[in-house]
Structures are given as structure tokens and as C-alpha cells.
Amino acid sequence: MPDENDPTVSRERQLEKGRLEQETKNERQVWYFLAYFLFGIHIIAFVMIYAVRHAK
């Protein structure tokens, strides 16, 4: 059974904590990218609808 004062256990926990923080950051960035992408698609769609409806 690993000892709580063992430096390798402490290092592993630090590494795991760092990986979890990076994963959370990456996941947040993916959601932001998706939100901006969908927002941009809607803006383009509204501009195209406007252009078609006001074409002569």
C-alpha cells in the first residue's frame, strides 16, 4: 500500500491534477469554438435571407 508521504505518489497526484485542469480548459475552449461557430452561421444565414428578400 503506497505511503501518503511517498514523493512518487505526491508527484502522480500533481500530474493527474494538471491533466484534469488541462482537460477542463480544452473542453471549455471546444464549447466556446462551437458557440462562436454557430453564432457565425446564424449571422451569415440572416444576411443571406435579407439579401434574397431585398433583391430586385
N, C-alpha and C. Protein backbone atom coordinates (compact mmCIF):
# COMPACT_ATOMS: atom_id res chain seq x y z
N MET A 1 0.85 -1.18 0.00
CA MET A 1 0.00 0.00 0.00
C MET A 1 0.89 1.24 0.00
N PRO A 2 0.64 2.20 -0.93
CA PRO A 2 1.52 3.37 -1.01
C PRO A 2 1.38 4.27 0.22
N ASP A 3 2.51 4.80 0.59
CA ASP A 3 2.56 5.71 1.74
C ASP A 3 2.16 7.11 1.29
N GLU A 4 1.39 7.82 2.10
CA GLU A 4 0.95 9.18 1.76
C GLU A 4 2.12 10.15 1.62
N ASN A 5 3.21 9.89 2.31
CA ASN A 5 4.38 10.77 2.26
C ASN A 5 5.34 10.40 1.15
N ASP A 6 5.02 9.39 0.38
CA ASP A 6 5.87 8.94 -0.72
C ASP A 6 5.89 10.02 -1.80
N PRO A 7 7.07 10.50 -2.19
CA PRO A 7 7.14 11.58 -3.20
C PRO A 7 6.59 11.17 -4.56
N THR A 8 6.66 9.88 -4.91
CA THR A 8 6.12 9.47 -6.21
C THR A 8 4.60 9.57 -6.23
N VAL A 9 3.96 9.25 -5.12
CA VAL A 9 2.50 9.37 -5.03
C VAL A 9 2.10 10.82 -5.14
N SER A 10 2.81 11.69 -4.45
CA SER A 10 2.52 13.12 -4.49
C SER A 10 2.71 13.66 -5.91
N ARG A 11 3.76 13.23 -6.58
CA ARG A 11 4.03 13.69 -7.95
C ARG A 11 2.94 13.20 -8.91
N GLU A 12 2.52 11.95 -8.73
CA GLU A 12 1.45 11.40 -9.58
C GLU A 12 0.16 12.19 -9.40
N ARG A 13 -0.15 12.54 -8.16
CA ARG A 13 -1.36 13.32 -7.91
C ARG A 13 -1.25 14.71 -8.55
N GLN A 14 -0.08 15.31 -8.47
CA GLN A 14 0.12 16.62 -9.10
C GLN A 14 -0.06 16.51 -10.61
N LEU A 15 0.51 15.48 -11.21
CA LEU A 15 0.38 15.28 -12.65
C LEU A 15 -1.08 15.05 -13.05
N GLU A 16 -1.77 14.23 -12.28
CA GLU A 16 -3.19 13.96 -12.57
C GLU A 16 -4.02 15.23 -12.43
N LYS A 17 -3.73 16.02 -11.42
CA LYS A 17 -4.45 17.29 -11.23
C LYS A 17 -4.19 18.22 -12.42
N GLY A 18 -2.95 18.26 -12.87
CA GLY A 18 -2.61 19.08 -14.03
C GLY A 18 -3.31 18.62 -15.30
N ARG A 19 -3.37 17.30 -15.48
CA ARG A 19 -4.08 16.76 -16.65
C ARG A 19 -5.56 17.10 -16.61
N LEU A 20 -6.18 17.00 -15.43
CA LEU A 20 -7.59 17.31 -15.30
C LEU A 20 -7.85 18.79 -15.57
N GLU A 21 -6.98 19.66 -15.07
CA GLU A 21 -7.13 21.09 -15.32
C GLU A 21 -7.00 21.39 -16.81
N GLN A 22 -6.03 20.77 -17.47
CA GLN A 22 -5.84 20.99 -18.91
C GLN A 22 -7.03 20.45 -19.70
N GLU A 23 -7.56 19.30 -19.29
CA GLU A 23 -8.72 18.74 -19.98
C GLU A 23 -9.93 19.66 -19.83
N THR A 24 -10.12 20.20 -18.64
CA THR A 24 -11.23 21.14 -18.42
C THR A 24 -11.06 22.38 -19.28
N LYS A 25 -9.85 22.89 -19.36
CA LYS A 25 -9.58 24.07 -20.19
C LYS A 25 -9.85 23.77 -21.66
N ASN A 26 -9.39 22.61 -22.13
CA ASN A 26 -9.61 22.23 -23.53
C ASN A 26 -11.09 22.07 -23.83
N GLU A 27 -11.82 21.46 -22.90
CA GLU A 27 -13.25 21.26 -23.11
C GLU A 27 -13.98 22.60 -23.18
N ARG A 28 -13.60 23.53 -22.33
CA ARG A 28 -14.19 24.87 -22.36
C ARG A 28 -13.90 25.56 -23.68
N GLN A 29 -12.69 25.41 -24.19
CA GLN A 29 -12.33 26.02 -25.47
C GLN A 29 -13.15 25.43 -26.61
N VAL A 30 -13.41 24.13 -26.57
CA VAL A 30 -14.23 23.49 -27.60
C VAL A 30 -15.64 24.06 -27.58
N TRP A 31 -16.21 24.23 -26.38
CA TRP A 31 -17.57 24.79 -26.29
C TRP A 31 -17.60 26.22 -26.80
N TYR A 32 -16.57 27.03 -26.47
CA TYR A 32 -16.51 28.40 -26.98
C TYR A 32 -16.42 28.41 -28.51
N PHE A 33 -15.58 27.54 -29.05
CA PHE A 33 -15.45 27.46 -30.50
C PHE A 33 -16.79 27.09 -31.14
N LEU A 34 -17.48 26.11 -30.57
CA LEU A 34 -18.77 25.70 -31.10
C LEU A 34 -19.78 26.84 -31.03
N ALA A 35 -19.80 27.56 -29.92
CA ALA A 35 -20.73 28.67 -29.77
C ALA A 35 -20.46 29.76 -30.80
N TYR A 36 -19.19 30.15 -30.97
CA TYR A 36 -18.85 31.17 -31.96
C TYR A 36 -19.17 30.70 -33.38
N PHE A 37 -18.91 29.44 -33.67
CA PHE A 37 -19.20 28.89 -34.98
C PHE A 37 -20.70 28.95 -35.28
N LEU A 38 -21.52 28.49 -34.34
CA LEU A 38 -22.97 28.51 -34.55
C LEU A 38 -23.50 29.93 -34.64
N PHE A 39 -22.97 30.83 -33.83
CA PHE A 39 -23.38 32.23 -33.91
C PHE A 39 -23.04 32.79 -35.29
N GLY A 40 -21.84 32.50 -35.77
CA GLY A 40 -21.43 32.99 -37.09
C GLY A 40 -22.30 32.43 -38.21
N ILE A 41 -22.66 31.17 -38.13
CA ILE A 41 -23.52 30.57 -39.14
C ILE A 41 -24.87 31.28 -39.18
N HIS A 42 -25.40 31.62 -38.02
CA HIS A 42 -26.68 32.31 -37.98
C HIS A 42 -26.58 33.72 -38.57
N ILE A 43 -25.51 34.41 -38.28
CA ILE A 43 -25.32 35.75 -38.86
C ILE A 43 -25.28 35.65 -40.38
N ILE A 44 -24.53 34.70 -40.89
CA ILE A 44 -24.45 34.52 -42.35
C ILE A 44 -25.83 34.18 -42.93
N ALA A 45 -26.57 33.32 -42.24
CA ALA A 45 -27.90 32.95 -42.72
C ALA A 45 -28.83 34.16 -42.75
N PHE A 46 -28.79 34.98 -41.71
CA PHE A 46 -29.65 36.18 -41.69
C PHE A 46 -29.27 37.16 -42.79
N VAL A 47 -28.00 37.32 -43.05
CA VAL A 47 -27.56 38.21 -44.13
C VAL A 47 -28.03 37.66 -45.48
N MET A 48 -27.92 36.35 -45.67
CA MET A 48 -28.37 35.76 -46.94
C MET A 48 -29.88 35.88 -47.10
N ILE A 49 -30.63 35.68 -46.03
CA ILE A 49 -32.09 35.83 -46.09
C ILE A 49 -32.44 37.28 -46.44
N TYR A 50 -31.76 38.22 -45.79
CA TYR A 50 -32.00 39.63 -46.08
C TYR A 50 -31.71 39.94 -47.56
N ALA A 51 -30.59 39.42 -48.05
CA ALA A 51 -30.20 39.68 -49.43
C ALA A 51 -31.21 39.10 -50.42
N VAL A 52 -31.70 37.91 -50.15
CA VAL A 52 -32.68 37.29 -51.06
C VAL A 52 -34.02 38.04 -51.01
N ARG A 53 -34.44 38.42 -49.85
CA ARG A 53 -35.74 39.10 -49.72
C ARG A 53 -35.73 40.52 -50.28
N HIS A 54 -34.56 41.15 -50.30
CA HIS A 54 -34.48 42.54 -50.78
C HIS A 54 -33.86 42.63 -52.16
N ALA A 55 -33.66 41.51 -52.82
CA ALA A 55 -33.13 41.53 -54.19
C ALA A 55 -34.19 42.03 -55.15
N LYS A 56 -33.75 42.75 -56.15
CA LYS A 56 -34.71 43.28 -57.13
C LYS A 56 -34.78 42.39 -58.34
